[in-house]
């Protein structure tokens, strides 16, 4: 039928990755390895509000490409999917 997608074949289109700044990736990965945003701030010698800002921007960039990640677990999943981290790194 015309206009009806063929659901028998899975969509193999790769997910669109947001363009994250190197510092955003650094903050994101550090957050995955710590218990709190405050710990990330101490580790990277930045303010806790700066950590929150970077993470908000990362979430906004994922949402902008249609891949929202509202929780830390969702961000971990996106980072693994996009090759930013490996499951063995966690």
PDB file of N, CA and C in Angstrom:
ATOM      1  N   UNK A   1       0.825  -1.182   0.000  1.00  0.00           N
ATOM      2  CA  UNK A   1       0.000   0.000   0.000  1.00  0.00           C
ATOM      3  C   UNK A   1       0.871   1.247   0.000  1.00  0.00           C
ATOM      4  N   UNK A   2       0.390   2.234  -0.663  1.00  0.00           N
ATOM      5  CA  UNK A   2       1.118   3.482  -0.740  1.00  0.00           C
ATOM      6  C   UNK A   2       0.934   4.275   0.557  1.00  0.00           C
ATOM      7  N   UNK A   3       2.035   4.871   1.061  1.00  0.00           N
ATOM      8  CA  UNK A   3       1.961   5.698   2.254  1.00  0.00           C
ATOM      9  C   UNK A   3       2.023   4.937   3.566  1.00  0.00           C
ATOM     10  N   UNK A   4       2.035   3.614   3.502  1.00  0.00           N
ATOM     11  CA  UNK A   4       2.103   2.808   4.717  1.00  0.00           C
ATOM     12  C   UNK A   4       3.528   2.270   4.848  1.00  0.00           C
ATOM     13  N   UNK A   5       4.189   2.554   5.969  1.00  0.00           N
ATOM     14  CA  UNK A   5       5.564   2.077   6.119  1.00  0.00           C
ATOM     15  C   UNK A   5       5.620   0.563   6.242  1.00  0.00           C
ATOM     16  N   UNK A   6       6.692  -0.026   5.710  1.00  0.00           N
ATOM     17  CA  UNK A   6       6.907  -1.462   5.800  1.00  0.00           C
ATOM     18  C   UNK A   6       7.537  -1.764   7.155  1.00  0.00           C
ATOM     19  N   UNK A   7       6.745  -2.276   8.083  1.00  0.00           N
ATOM     20  CA  UNK A   7       7.221  -2.537   9.435  1.00  0.00           C
ATOM     21  C   UNK A   7       7.917  -3.887   9.566  1.00  0.00           C
ATOM     22  N   UNK A   8       7.949  -4.657   8.484  1.00  0.00           N
ATOM     23  CA  UNK A   8       8.596  -5.959   8.543  1.00  0.00           C
ATOM     24  C   UNK A   8      10.119  -5.829   8.496  1.00  0.00           C
ATOM     25  N   UNK A   9      10.614  -4.675   8.064  1.00  0.00           N
ATOM     26  CA  UNK A   9      12.048  -4.433   7.992  1.00  0.00           C
ATOM     27  C   UNK A   9      12.403  -3.376   9.034  1.00  0.00           C
ATOM     28  N   UNK A  10      13.269  -3.705   9.986  1.00  0.00           N
ATOM     29  CA  UNK A  10      13.613  -2.716  11.012  1.00  0.00           C
ATOM     30  C   UNK A  10      14.356  -1.531  10.412  1.00  0.00           C
ATOM     31  N   UNK A  11      14.146  -0.378  11.012  1.00  0.00           N
ATOM     32  CA  UNK A  11      14.819   0.838  10.576  1.00  0.00           C
ATOM     33  C   UNK A  11      16.275   0.768  11.024  1.00  0.00           C
ATOM     34  N   UNK A  12      17.190   0.687  10.087  1.00  0.00           N
ATOM     35  CA  UNK A  12      18.612   0.577  10.390  1.00  0.00           C
ATOM     36  C   UNK A  12      19.327   1.920  10.243  1.00  0.00           C
ATOM     37  N   UNK A  13      18.559   2.995  10.166  1.00  0.00           N
ATOM     38  CA  UNK A  13      19.145   4.316  10.061  1.00  0.00           C
ATOM     39  C   UNK A  13      19.881   4.634  11.358  1.00  0.00           C
ATOM     40  N   UNK A  14      21.161   5.021  11.256  1.00  0.00           N
ATOM     41  CA  UNK A  14      21.875   5.342  12.494  1.00  0.00           C
ATOM     42  C   UNK A  14      21.277   6.561  13.180  1.00  0.00           C
ATOM     43  N   UNK A  15      21.318   6.544  14.494  1.00  0.00           N
ATOM     44  CA  UNK A  15      20.778   7.661  15.265  1.00  0.00           C
ATOM     45  C   UNK A  15      21.620   8.909  15.013  1.00  0.00           C
ATOM     46  N   UNK A  16      20.949  10.034  14.934  1.00  0.00           N
ATOM     47  CA  UNK A  16      21.644  11.300  14.766  1.00  0.00           C
ATOM     48  C   UNK A  16      22.287  11.667  16.097  1.00  0.00           C
ATOM     49  N   UNK A  17      23.563  11.979  16.044  1.00  0.00           N
ATOM     50  CA  UNK A  17      24.275  12.346  17.261  1.00  0.00           C
ATOM     51  C   UNK A  17      24.326  13.862  17.392  1.00  0.00           C
ATOM     52  N   UNK A  18      24.085  14.366  18.585  1.00  0.00           N
ATOM     53  CA  UNK A  18      24.218  15.810  18.784  1.00  0.00           C
ATOM     54  C   UNK A  18      25.697  16.202  18.759  1.00  0.00           C
ATOM     55  N   UNK A  19      25.962  17.432  18.411  1.00  0.00           N
ATOM     56  CA  UNK A  19      27.341  17.923  18.410  1.00  0.00           C
ATOM     57  C   UNK A  19      27.666  18.477  19.794  1.00  0.00           C
ATOM     58  N   UNK A  20      28.292  17.639  20.596  1.00  0.00           N
ATOM     59  CA  UNK A  20      28.656  18.036  21.951  1.00  0.00           C
ATOM     60  C   UNK A  20      30.050  18.655  21.949  1.00  0.00           C
ATOM     61  N   UNK A  21      30.200  19.718  22.717  1.00  0.00           N
ATOM     62  CA  UNK A  21      31.507  20.353  22.883  1.00  0.00           C
ATOM     63  C   UNK A  21      32.406  19.428  23.706  1.00  0.00           C
ATOM     64  N   UNK A  22      33.713  19.499  23.502  1.00  0.00           N
ATOM     65  CA  UNK A  22      34.621  18.651  24.287  1.00  0.00           C
ATOM     66  C   UNK A  22      34.422  18.796  25.797  1.00  0.00           C
ATOM     67  N   UNK A  23      34.186  19.999  26.271  1.00  0.00           N
ATOM     68  CA  UNK A  23      33.983  20.202  27.714  1.00  0.00           C
ATOM     69  C   UNK A  23      32.674  19.563  28.171  1.00  0.00           C
ATOM     70  N   UNK A  24      31.646  19.590  27.331  1.00  0.00           N
ATOM     71  CA  UNK A  24      30.381  18.932  27.675  1.00  0.00           C
ATOM     72  C   UNK A  24      30.593  17.429  27.827  1.00  0.00           C
ATOM     73  N   UNK A  25      31.373  16.847  26.925  1.00  0.00           N
ATOM     74  CA  UNK A  25      31.667  15.413  27.003  1.00  0.00           C
ATOM     75  C   UNK A  25      32.478  15.127  28.267  1.00  0.00           C
ATOM     76  N   UNK A  26      33.451  15.969  28.563  1.00  0.00           N
ATOM     77  CA  UNK A  26      34.277  15.783  29.757  1.00  0.00           C
ATOM     78  C   UNK A  26      33.431  15.804  31.031  1.00  0.00           C
ATOM     79  N   UNK A  27      32.533  16.771  31.129  1.00  0.00           N
ATOM     80  CA  UNK A  27      31.655  16.876  32.300  1.00  0.00           C
ATOM     81  C   UNK A  27      30.718  15.672  32.366  1.00  0.00           C
ATOM     82  N   UNK A  28      30.154  15.293  31.233  1.00  0.00           N
ATOM     83  CA  UNK A  28      29.225  14.167  31.176  1.00  0.00           C
ATOM     84  C   UNK A  28      29.892  12.877  31.649  1.00  0.00           C
ATOM     85  N   UNK A  29      31.052  12.575  31.106  1.00  0.00           N
ATOM     86  CA  UNK A  29      31.757  11.341  31.468  1.00  0.00           C
ATOM     87  C   UNK A  29      32.191  11.380  32.935  1.00  0.00           C
ATOM     88  N   UNK A  30      32.649  12.527  33.398  1.00  0.00           N
ATOM     89  CA  UNK A  30      33.026  12.643  34.816  1.00  0.00           C
ATOM     90  C   UNK A  30      31.819  12.384  35.712  1.00  0.00           C
ATOM     91  N   UNK A  31      30.663  12.882  35.303  1.00  0.00           N
ATOM     92  CA  UNK A  31      29.441  12.687  36.092  1.00  0.00           C
ATOM     93  C   UNK A  31      29.064  11.213  36.174  1.00  0.00           C
ATOM     94  N   UNK A  32      29.303  10.475  35.099  1.00  0.00           N
ATOM     95  CA  UNK A  32      28.999   9.045  35.106  1.00  0.00           C
ATOM     96  C   UNK A  32      29.857   8.298  36.127  1.00  0.00           C
ATOM     97  N   UNK A  33      31.034   8.821  36.415  1.00  0.00           N
ATOM     98  CA  UNK A  33      31.971   8.142  37.307  1.00  0.00           C
ATOM     99  C   UNK A  33      31.944   8.665  38.744  1.00  0.00           C
ATOM    100  N   UNK A  34      31.056   9.589  39.033  1.00  0.00           N
ATOM    101  CA  UNK A  34      30.967  10.131  40.386  1.00  0.00           C
ATOM    102  C   UNK A  34      29.541  10.007  40.895  1.00  0.00           C
ATOM    103  N   UNK A  35      29.378  10.315  42.165  1.00  0.00           N
ATOM    104  CA  UNK A  35      28.062  10.202  42.786  1.00  0.00           C
ATOM    105  C   UNK A  35      27.246  11.478  42.714  1.00  0.00           C
ATOM    106  N   UNK A  36      27.910  12.600  42.415  1.00  0.00           N
ATOM    107  CA  UNK A  36      27.167  13.855  42.435  1.00  0.00           C
ATOM    108  C   UNK A  36      27.779  14.882  41.490  1.00  0.00           C
ATOM    109  N   UNK A  37      26.980  15.871  41.186  1.00  0.00           N
ATOM    110  CA  UNK A  37      27.455  16.983  40.361  1.00  0.00           C
ATOM    111  C   UNK A  37      28.485  17.798  41.130  1.00  0.00           C
ATOM    112  N   UNK A  38      28.322  17.873  42.443  1.00  0.00           N
ATOM    113  CA  UNK A  38      29.278  18.598  43.275  1.00  0.00           C
ATOM    114  C   UNK A  38      30.656  17.935  43.209  1.00  0.00           C
ATOM    115  N   UNK A  39      30.687  16.608  43.178  1.00  0.00           N
ATOM    116  CA  UNK A  39      31.960  15.890  43.062  1.00  0.00           C
ATOM    117  C   UNK A  39      32.620  16.176  41.716  1.00  0.00           C
ATOM    118  N   UNK A  40      31.825  16.258  40.669  1.00  0.00           N
ATOM    119  CA  UNK A  40      32.355  16.607  39.345  1.00  0.00           C
ATOM    120  C   UNK A  40      32.956  18.006  39.394  1.00  0.00           C
ATOM    121  N   UNK A  41      32.251  18.920  40.027  1.00  0.00           N
ATOM    122  CA  UNK A  41      32.735  20.300  40.134  1.00  0.00           C
ATOM    123  C   UNK A  41      34.095  20.342  40.833  1.00  0.00           C
ATOM    124  N   UNK A  42      34.226  19.611  41.922  1.00  0.00           N
ATOM    125  CA  UNK A  42      35.511  19.579  42.639  1.00  0.00           C
ATOM    126  C   UNK A  42      36.608  18.961  41.769  1.00  0.00           C
ATOM    127  N   UNK A  43      36.272  17.872  41.095  1.00  0.00           N
ATOM    128  CA  UNK A  43      37.246  17.161  40.264  1.00  0.00           C
ATOM    129  C   UNK A  43      37.739  18.028  39.113  1.00  0.00           C
ATOM    130  N   UNK A  44      36.839  18.774  38.485  1.00  0.00           N
ATOM    131  CA  UNK A  44      37.192  19.573  37.308  1.00  0.00           C
ATOM    132  C   UNK A  44      37.502  21.032  37.643  1.00  0.00           C
ATOM    133  N   UNK A  45      37.436  21.371  38.931  1.00  0.00           N
ATOM    134  CA  UNK A  45      37.731  22.735  39.392  1.00  0.00           C
ATOM    135  C   UNK A  45      36.819  23.767  38.731  1.00  0.00           C
ATOM    136  N   UNK A  46      35.526  23.453  38.740  1.00  0.00           N
ATOM    137  CA  UNK A  46      34.508  24.369  38.221  1.00  0.00           C
ATOM    138  C   UNK A  46      33.374  24.452  39.239  1.00  0.00           C
ATOM    139  N   UNK A  47      32.506  25.414  39.067  1.00  0.00           N
ATOM    140  CA  UNK A  47      31.379  25.587  39.990  1.00  0.00           C
ATOM    141  C   UNK A  47      30.304  24.528  39.738  1.00  0.00           C
ATOM    142  N   UNK A  48      29.594  24.112  40.783  1.00  0.00           N
ATOM    143  CA  UNK A  48      28.487  23.166  40.596  1.00  0.00           C
ATOM    144  C   UNK A  48      27.444  23.675  39.595  1.00  0.00           C
ATOM    145  N   UNK A  49      27.215  24.979  39.583  1.00  0.00           N
ATOM    146  CA  UNK A  49      26.251  25.521  38.611  1.00  0.00           C
ATOM    147  C   UNK A  49      26.754  25.344  37.182  1.00  0.00           C
ATOM    148  N   UNK A  50      28.063  25.383  36.990  1.00  0.00           N
ATOM    149  CA  UNK A  50      28.635  25.157  35.656  1.00  0.00           C
ATOM    150  C   UNK A  50      28.413  23.711  35.229  1.00  0.00           C
ATOM    151  N   UNK A  51      28.563  22.783  36.154  1.00  0.00           N
ATOM    152  CA  UNK A  51      28.291  21.368  35.856  1.00  0.00           C
ATOM    153  C   UNK A  51      26.835  21.215  35.425  1.00  0.00           C
ATOM    154  N   UNK A  52      25.920  21.798  36.197  1.00  0.00           N
ATOM    155  CA  UNK A  52      24.494  21.699  35.861  1.00  0.00           C
ATOM    156  C   UNK A  52      24.205  22.322  34.494  1.00  0.00           C
ATOM    157  N   UNK A  53      24.850  23.443  34.197  1.00  0.00           N
ATOM    158  CA  UNK A  53      24.647  24.097  32.898  1.00  0.00           C
ATOM    159  C   UNK A  53      25.112  23.201  31.758  1.00  0.00           C
ATOM    160  N   UNK A  54      26.292  22.605  31.906  1.00  0.00           N
ATOM    161  CA  UNK A  54      26.793  21.701  30.859  1.00  0.00           C
ATOM    162  C   UNK A  54      25.829  20.531  30.651  1.00  0.00           C
ATOM    163  N   UNK A  55      25.347  19.945  31.739  1.00  0.00           N
ATOM    164  CA  UNK A  55      24.436  18.802  31.625  1.00  0.00           C
ATOM    165  C   UNK A  55      23.095  19.214  31.022  1.00  0.00           C
ATOM    166  N   UNK A  56      22.617  20.401  31.354  1.00  0.00           N
ATOM    167  CA  UNK A  56      21.379  20.903  30.736  1.00  0.00           C
ATOM    168  C   UNK A  56      21.565  21.076  29.234  1.00  0.00           C
ATOM    169  N   UNK A  57      22.717  21.583  28.832  1.00  0.00           N
ATOM    170  CA  UNK A  57      22.991  21.773  27.400  1.00  0.00           C
ATOM    171  C   UNK A  57      23.089  20.436  26.675  1.00  0.00           C
ATOM    172  N   UNK A  58      23.722  19.458  27.316  1.00  0.00           N
ATOM    173  CA  UNK A  58      23.810  18.120  26.722  1.00  0.00           C
ATOM    174  C   UNK A  58      22.409  17.554  26.522  1.00  0.00           C
ATOM    175  N   UNK A  59      21.573  17.649  27.546  1.00  0.00           N
ATOM    176  CA  UNK A  59      20.194  17.146  27.434  1.00  0.00           C
ATOM    177  C   UNK A  59      19.432  17.879  26.332  1.00  0.00           C
ATOM    178  N   UNK A  60      19.609  19.191  26.246  1.00  0.00           N
ATOM    179  CA  UNK A  60      18.922  19.978  25.216  1.00  0.00           C
ATOM    180  C   UNK A  60      19.380  19.565  23.821  1.00  0.00           C
ATOM    181  N   UNK A  61      20.662  19.293  23.668  1.00  0.00           N
ATOM    182  CA  UNK A  61      21.180  18.886  22.356  1.00  0.00           C
ATOM    183  C   UNK A  61      20.639  17.510  21.958  1.00  0.00           C
ATOM    184  N   UNK A  62      20.548  16.594  22.907  1.00  0.00           N
ATOM    185  CA  UNK A  62      19.952  15.288  22.602  1.00  0.00           C
ATOM    186  C   UNK A  62      18.475  15.440  22.250  1.00  0.00           C
ATOM    187  N   UNK A  63      17.764  16.264  22.973  1.00  0.00           N
ATOM    188  CA  UNK A  63      16.343  16.487  22.677  1.00  0.00           C
ATOM    189  C   UNK A  63      16.174  17.115  21.299  1.00  0.00           C
ATOM    190  N   UNK A  64      17.084  18.004  20.921  1.00  0.00           N
ATOM    191  CA  UNK A  64      16.988  18.693  19.631  1.00  0.00           C
ATOM    192  C   UNK A  64      17.131  17.746  18.444  1.00  0.00           C
ATOM    193  N   UNK A  65      17.824  16.612  18.643  1.00  0.00           N
ATOM    194  CA  UNK A  65      17.960  15.640  17.555  1.00  0.00           C
ATOM    195  C   UNK A  65      16.972  14.485  17.716  1.00  0.00           C
ATOM    196  N   UNK A  66      15.982  14.679  18.585  1.00  0.00           N
ATOM    197  CA  UNK A  66      14.930  13.676  18.740  1.00  0.00           C
ATOM    198  C   UNK A  66      15.302  12.491  19.606  1.00  0.00           C
ATOM    199  N   UNK A  67      16.294  12.660  20.468  1.00  0.00           N
ATOM    200  CA  UNK A  67      16.736  11.580  21.353  1.00  0.00           C
ATOM    201  C   UNK A  67      16.796  12.085  22.794  1.00  0.00           C
ATOM    202  N   UNK A  68      15.638  12.426  23.366  1.00  0.00           N
ATOM    203  CA  UNK A  68      15.648  12.992  24.717  1.00  0.00           C
ATOM    204  C   UNK A  68      16.258  12.036  25.743  1.00  0.00           C
ATOM    205  N   UNK A  69      16.906  12.632  26.729  1.00  0.00           N
ATOM    206  CA  UNK A  69      17.531  11.864  27.809  1.00  0.00           C
ATOM    207  C   UNK A  69      17.320  12.646  29.098  1.00  0.00           C
ATOM    208  N   UNK A  70      16.223  12.368  29.762  1.00  0.00           N
ATOM    209  CA  UNK A  70      15.838  13.152  30.937  1.00  0.00           C
ATOM    210  C   UNK A  70      16.472  12.665  32.235  1.00  0.00           C
ATOM    211  N   UNK A  71      17.002  11.457  32.236  1.00  0.00           N
ATOM    212  CA  UNK A  71      17.594  10.909  33.457  1.00  0.00           C
ATOM    213  C   UNK A  71      19.068  10.592  33.233  1.00  0.00           C
ATOM    214  N   UNK A  72      19.767  10.375  34.331  1.00  0.00           N
ATOM    215  CA  UNK A  72      21.180   9.997  34.224  1.00  0.00           C
ATOM    216  C   UNK A  72      21.315   8.676  33.479  1.00  0.00           C
ATOM    217  N   UNK A  73      20.429   7.735  33.766  1.00  0.00           N
ATOM    218  CA  UNK A  73      20.469   6.437  33.082  1.00  0.00           C
ATOM    219  C   UNK A  73      20.273   6.598  31.579  1.00  0.00           C
ATOM    220  N   UNK A  74      19.370   7.484  31.192  1.00  0.00           N
ATOM    221  CA  UNK A  74      19.134   7.727  29.765  1.00  0.00           C
ATOM    222  C   UNK A  74      20.360   8.360  29.115  1.00  0.00           C
ATOM    223  N   UNK A  75      21.028   9.258  29.828  1.00  0.00           N
ATOM    224  CA  UNK A  75      22.249   9.861  29.284  1.00  0.00           C
ATOM    225  C   UNK A  75      23.365   8.825  29.156  1.00  0.00           C
ATOM    226  N   UNK A  76      23.465   7.921  30.120  1.00  0.00           N
ATOM    227  CA  UNK A  76      24.450   6.837  30.025  1.00  0.00           C
ATOM    228  C   UNK A  76      24.173   6.008  28.776  1.00  0.00           C
ATOM    229  N   UNK A  77      22.908   5.661  28.560  1.00  0.00           N
ATOM    230  CA  UNK A  77      22.540   4.872  27.383  1.00  0.00           C
ATOM    231  C   UNK A  77      22.914   5.596  26.095  1.00  0.00           C
ATOM    232  N   UNK A  78      22.622   6.888  26.019  1.00  0.00           N
ATOM    233  CA  UNK A  78      22.962   7.668  24.819  1.00  0.00           C
ATOM    234  C   UNK A  78      24.477   7.700  24.615  1.00  0.00           C
ATOM    235  N   UNK A  79      25.217   7.898  25.689  1.00  0.00           N
ATOM    236  CA  UNK A  79      26.678   7.964  25.587  1.00  0.00           C
ATOM    237  C   UNK A  79      27.256   6.635  25.099  1.00  0.00           C
ATOM    238  N   UNK A  80      26.698   5.534  25.567  1.00  0.00           N
ATOM    239  CA  UNK A  80      27.141   4.219  25.096  1.00  0.00           C
ATOM    240  C   UNK A  80      26.784   4.053  23.626  1.00  0.00           C
ATOM    241  N   UNK A  81      25.553   4.392  23.250  1.00  0.00           N
ATOM    242  CA  UNK A  81      25.121   4.279  21.854  1.00  0.00           C
ATOM    243  C   UNK A  81      25.999   5.104  20.925  1.00  0.00           C
ATOM    244  N   UNK A  82      26.448   6.257  21.407  1.00  0.00           N
ATOM    245  CA  UNK A  82      27.217   7.173  20.569  1.00  0.00           C
ATOM    246  C   UNK A  82      28.724   6.966  20.682  1.00  0.00           C
ATOM    247  N   UNK A  83      29.144   5.967  21.449  1.00  0.00           N
ATOM    248  CA  UNK A  83      30.561   5.655  21.556  1.00  0.00           C
ATOM    249  C   UNK A  83      31.365   6.608  22.431  1.00  0.00           C
ATOM    250  N   UNK A  84      30.680   7.399  23.255  1.00  0.00           N
ATOM    251  CA  UNK A  84      31.398   8.309  24.149  1.00  0.00           C
ATOM    252  C   UNK A  84      32.027   7.551  25.309  1.00  0.00           C
ATOM    253  N   UNK A  85      31.370   6.478  25.723  1.00  0.00           N
ATOM    254  CA  UNK A  85      31.894   5.599  26.767  1.00  0.00           C
ATOM    255  C   UNK A  85      31.567   4.163  26.377  1.00  0.00           C
ATOM    256  N   UNK A  86      32.221   3.233  27.041  1.00  0.00           N
ATOM    257  CA  UNK A  86      31.918   1.817  26.841  1.00  0.00           C
ATOM    258  C   UNK A  86      31.364   1.268  28.149  1.00  0.00           C
ATOM    259  N   UNK A  87      30.559   0.263  28.054  1.00  0.00           N
ATOM    260  CA  UNK A  87      29.936  -0.323  29.239  1.00  0.00           C
ATOM    261  C   UNK A  87      30.997  -0.767  30.246  1.00  0.00           C
ATOM    262  N   UNK A  88      32.160  -1.204  29.756  1.00  0.00           N
ATOM    263  CA  UNK A  88      33.239  -1.639  30.644  1.00  0.00           C
ATOM    264  C   UNK A  88      33.836  -0.484  31.440  1.00  0.00           C
ATOM    265  N   UNK A  89      33.611   0.744  30.976  1.00  0.00           N
ATOM    266  CA  UNK A  89      34.151   1.921  31.662  1.00  0.00           C
ATOM    267  C   UNK A  89      33.349   2.293  32.901  1.00  0.00           C
ATOM    268  N   UNK A  90      32.177   1.710  33.040  1.00  0.00           N
ATOM    269  CA  UNK A  90      31.299   2.114  34.143  1.00  0.00           C
ATOM    270  C   UNK A  90      31.539   1.341  35.400  1.00  0.00           C
TER     271      UNK A  90
END
